[in-house]
């Protein structure tokens, strides 16, 4: 017997790859992206448009209650 939610779940394709910010390298020791030109952390660089995490989120259906 399957769990009741097994029949209601949806499968989503996982996005392939990750596009790193141009001109930045990830510093694993520090845990953040750093400019390869001037060494400034990505979050501190005012000239760069910051990545938007919401666009990379996978919809899981929490906001679809009642469907």
N, C-alpha and C. Protein backbone atom coordinates (compact mmCIF):
# COMPACT_ATOMS: atom_id res chain seq x y z
N UNK A 1 0.84 -1.18 0.00
CA UNK A 1 0.00 0.00 0.00
C UNK A 1 0.89 1.25 0.00
N UNK A 2 0.65 2.15 -0.94
CA UNK A 2 1.41 3.39 -1.03
C UNK A 2 0.83 4.45 -0.10
N UNK A 3 1.69 5.35 0.30
CA UNK A 3 1.25 6.49 1.10
C UNK A 3 0.34 7.36 0.25
N UNK A 4 -0.64 8.01 0.84
CA UNK A 4 -1.61 8.83 0.11
C UNK A 4 -0.94 9.95 -0.69
N UNK A 5 0.16 10.49 -0.19
CA UNK A 5 0.84 11.58 -0.89
C UNK A 5 1.62 11.11 -2.11
N UNK A 6 1.93 9.83 -2.19
CA UNK A 6 2.68 9.31 -3.33
C UNK A 6 1.93 9.52 -4.64
N UNK A 7 0.62 9.46 -4.60
CA UNK A 7 -0.18 9.66 -5.81
C UNK A 7 -0.37 11.11 -6.17
N UNK A 8 -0.06 12.02 -5.27
CA UNK A 8 -0.27 13.45 -5.52
C UNK A 8 1.02 14.21 -5.83
N UNK A 9 2.16 13.57 -5.66
CA UNK A 9 3.42 14.28 -5.86
C UNK A 9 3.72 14.45 -7.35
N UNK A 10 4.51 15.46 -7.64
CA UNK A 10 4.95 15.74 -9.00
C UNK A 10 6.46 15.68 -9.05
N UNK A 11 6.98 15.28 -10.18
CA UNK A 11 8.43 15.25 -10.36
C UNK A 11 8.85 16.48 -11.16
N UNK A 12 9.99 17.04 -10.80
CA UNK A 12 10.53 18.22 -11.48
C UNK A 12 11.93 17.91 -11.96
N UNK A 13 12.26 18.43 -13.12
CA UNK A 13 13.63 18.27 -13.61
C UNK A 13 14.54 19.19 -12.82
N UNK A 14 15.70 18.68 -12.45
CA UNK A 14 16.68 19.48 -11.73
C UNK A 14 17.45 20.29 -12.76
N UNK A 15 17.60 21.60 -12.56
CA UNK A 15 18.35 22.41 -13.53
C UNK A 15 19.76 21.88 -13.70
N UNK A 16 20.22 21.83 -14.95
CA UNK A 16 21.56 21.32 -15.22
C UNK A 16 22.59 22.43 -15.06
N UNK A 17 23.61 22.15 -14.30
CA UNK A 17 24.73 23.07 -14.16
C UNK A 17 24.38 24.32 -13.35
N UNK A 18 25.38 25.09 -13.11
CA UNK A 18 25.23 26.34 -12.38
C UNK A 18 26.12 27.37 -13.05
N UNK A 19 25.56 28.48 -13.42
CA UNK A 19 26.34 29.55 -14.05
C UNK A 19 26.96 30.41 -12.96
N UNK A 20 28.27 30.38 -12.86
CA UNK A 20 28.94 31.19 -11.85
C UNK A 20 28.93 32.65 -12.30
N UNK A 21 28.94 33.57 -11.35
CA UNK A 21 28.95 34.99 -11.71
C UNK A 21 30.22 35.32 -12.49
N UNK A 22 30.05 36.02 -13.62
CA UNK A 22 31.18 36.35 -14.47
C UNK A 22 32.15 37.29 -13.75
N UNK A 23 33.43 36.92 -13.78
CA UNK A 23 34.45 37.75 -13.14
C UNK A 23 34.65 37.46 -11.67
N UNK A 24 34.01 36.40 -11.18
CA UNK A 24 34.12 36.03 -9.77
C UNK A 24 34.50 34.56 -9.63
N UNK A 25 35.17 34.24 -8.55
CA UNK A 25 35.53 32.86 -8.24
C UNK A 25 35.09 32.57 -6.81
N UNK A 26 34.61 31.35 -6.60
CA UNK A 26 34.15 30.97 -5.26
C UNK A 26 35.34 30.59 -4.40
N UNK A 27 35.43 31.18 -3.24
CA UNK A 27 36.49 30.87 -2.28
C UNK A 27 35.88 29.95 -1.22
N UNK A 28 36.18 28.67 -1.31
CA UNK A 28 35.59 27.69 -0.40
C UNK A 28 36.03 27.90 1.04
N UNK A 29 37.23 28.38 1.24
CA UNK A 29 37.72 28.65 2.60
C UNK A 29 36.95 29.76 3.29
N UNK A 30 36.59 30.77 2.52
CA UNK A 30 35.83 31.89 3.07
C UNK A 30 34.33 31.68 2.97
N UNK A 31 33.91 30.92 1.97
CA UNK A 31 32.49 30.62 1.82
C UNK A 31 31.71 31.64 1.02
N UNK A 32 32.39 32.41 0.15
CA UNK A 32 31.67 33.38 -0.68
C UNK A 32 32.45 33.66 -1.97
N UNK A 33 31.76 34.34 -2.91
CA UNK A 33 32.34 34.69 -4.20
C UNK A 33 33.20 35.95 -4.08
N UNK A 34 34.37 35.91 -4.75
CA UNK A 34 35.31 37.03 -4.71
C UNK A 34 35.66 37.43 -6.14
N UNK A 35 35.78 38.73 -6.39
CA UNK A 35 36.16 39.24 -7.71
C UNK A 35 37.56 38.79 -8.07
N UNK A 36 37.71 38.31 -9.29
CA UNK A 36 39.03 37.90 -9.77
C UNK A 36 39.86 39.11 -10.18
N UNK A 37 39.22 40.28 -10.26
CA UNK A 37 39.92 41.50 -10.68
C UNK A 37 40.46 42.27 -9.48
N UNK A 38 39.59 42.55 -8.49
CA UNK A 38 40.03 43.39 -7.37
C UNK A 38 39.91 42.73 -6.00
N UNK A 39 39.46 41.49 -5.93
CA UNK A 39 39.40 40.77 -4.67
C UNK A 39 38.25 41.16 -3.75
N UNK A 40 37.31 41.96 -4.26
CA UNK A 40 36.17 42.40 -3.45
C UNK A 40 35.11 41.29 -3.43
N UNK A 41 34.53 41.01 -2.27
CA UNK A 41 33.45 40.01 -2.22
C UNK A 41 32.26 40.44 -3.08
N UNK A 42 31.59 39.50 -3.69
CA UNK A 42 30.45 39.78 -4.56
C UNK A 42 29.38 40.59 -3.84
N UNK A 43 29.08 40.27 -2.60
CA UNK A 43 28.02 40.97 -1.87
C UNK A 43 28.38 42.42 -1.58
N UNK A 44 29.65 42.76 -1.60
CA UNK A 44 30.09 44.13 -1.32
C UNK A 44 30.28 44.97 -2.57
N UNK A 45 30.30 44.33 -3.74
CA UNK A 45 30.55 45.05 -4.98
C UNK A 45 29.26 45.69 -5.47
N UNK A 46 29.19 47.01 -5.40
CA UNK A 46 27.97 47.76 -5.73
C UNK A 46 27.72 47.83 -7.24
N UNK A 47 28.72 47.50 -8.06
CA UNK A 47 28.57 47.61 -9.51
C UNK A 47 28.00 46.35 -10.15
N UNK A 48 27.85 45.30 -9.38
CA UNK A 48 27.40 44.01 -9.93
C UNK A 48 25.96 43.74 -9.52
N UNK A 49 25.16 43.29 -10.49
CA UNK A 49 23.79 42.87 -10.18
C UNK A 49 23.87 41.53 -9.48
N UNK A 50 23.29 41.44 -8.32
CA UNK A 50 23.37 40.23 -7.50
C UNK A 50 22.48 39.12 -8.06
N UNK A 51 22.88 37.86 -7.89
CA UNK A 51 22.06 36.76 -8.36
C UNK A 51 20.75 36.69 -7.56
N UNK A 52 19.69 36.27 -8.23
CA UNK A 52 18.39 36.14 -7.59
C UNK A 52 18.12 34.66 -7.35
N UNK A 53 18.01 34.26 -6.11
CA UNK A 53 17.83 32.85 -5.81
C UNK A 53 16.43 32.35 -6.11
N UNK A 54 15.44 33.20 -6.06
CA UNK A 54 14.06 32.74 -6.26
C UNK A 54 13.87 32.11 -7.64
N UNK A 55 14.56 32.63 -8.66
CA UNK A 55 14.40 32.08 -10.00
C UNK A 55 14.94 30.66 -10.10
N UNK A 56 15.83 30.27 -9.22
CA UNK A 56 16.40 28.94 -9.25
C UNK A 56 15.64 27.96 -8.36
N UNK A 57 14.68 28.46 -7.61
CA UNK A 57 13.92 27.59 -6.73
C UNK A 57 13.04 26.64 -7.53
N UNK A 58 12.84 25.46 -7.00
CA UNK A 58 11.92 24.50 -7.59
C UNK A 58 10.62 24.59 -6.83
N UNK A 59 9.55 24.78 -7.54
CA UNK A 59 8.24 24.89 -6.90
C UNK A 59 7.88 23.55 -6.28
N UNK A 60 7.56 23.57 -5.01
CA UNK A 60 7.22 22.33 -4.33
C UNK A 60 5.75 22.22 -4.01
N UNK A 61 4.99 23.27 -4.23
CA UNK A 61 3.55 23.18 -4.07
C UNK A 61 3.00 23.66 -2.74
N UNK A 62 3.83 24.20 -1.86
CA UNK A 62 3.32 24.64 -0.58
C UNK A 62 2.23 25.70 -0.75
N UNK A 63 2.34 26.50 -1.79
CA UNK A 63 1.35 27.56 -1.99
C UNK A 63 0.16 27.09 -2.82
N UNK A 64 0.07 25.81 -3.11
CA UNK A 64 -1.02 25.29 -3.93
C UNK A 64 -1.98 24.45 -3.09
N UNK A 65 -2.06 24.75 -1.83
CA UNK A 65 -2.97 24.02 -0.95
C UNK A 65 -4.41 24.23 -1.43
N UNK A 66 -5.17 23.20 -1.42
CA UNK A 66 -6.56 23.30 -1.82
C UNK A 66 -6.81 22.90 -3.27
N UNK A 67 -5.75 22.63 -4.03
CA UNK A 67 -5.94 22.20 -5.42
C UNK A 67 -6.40 20.78 -5.46
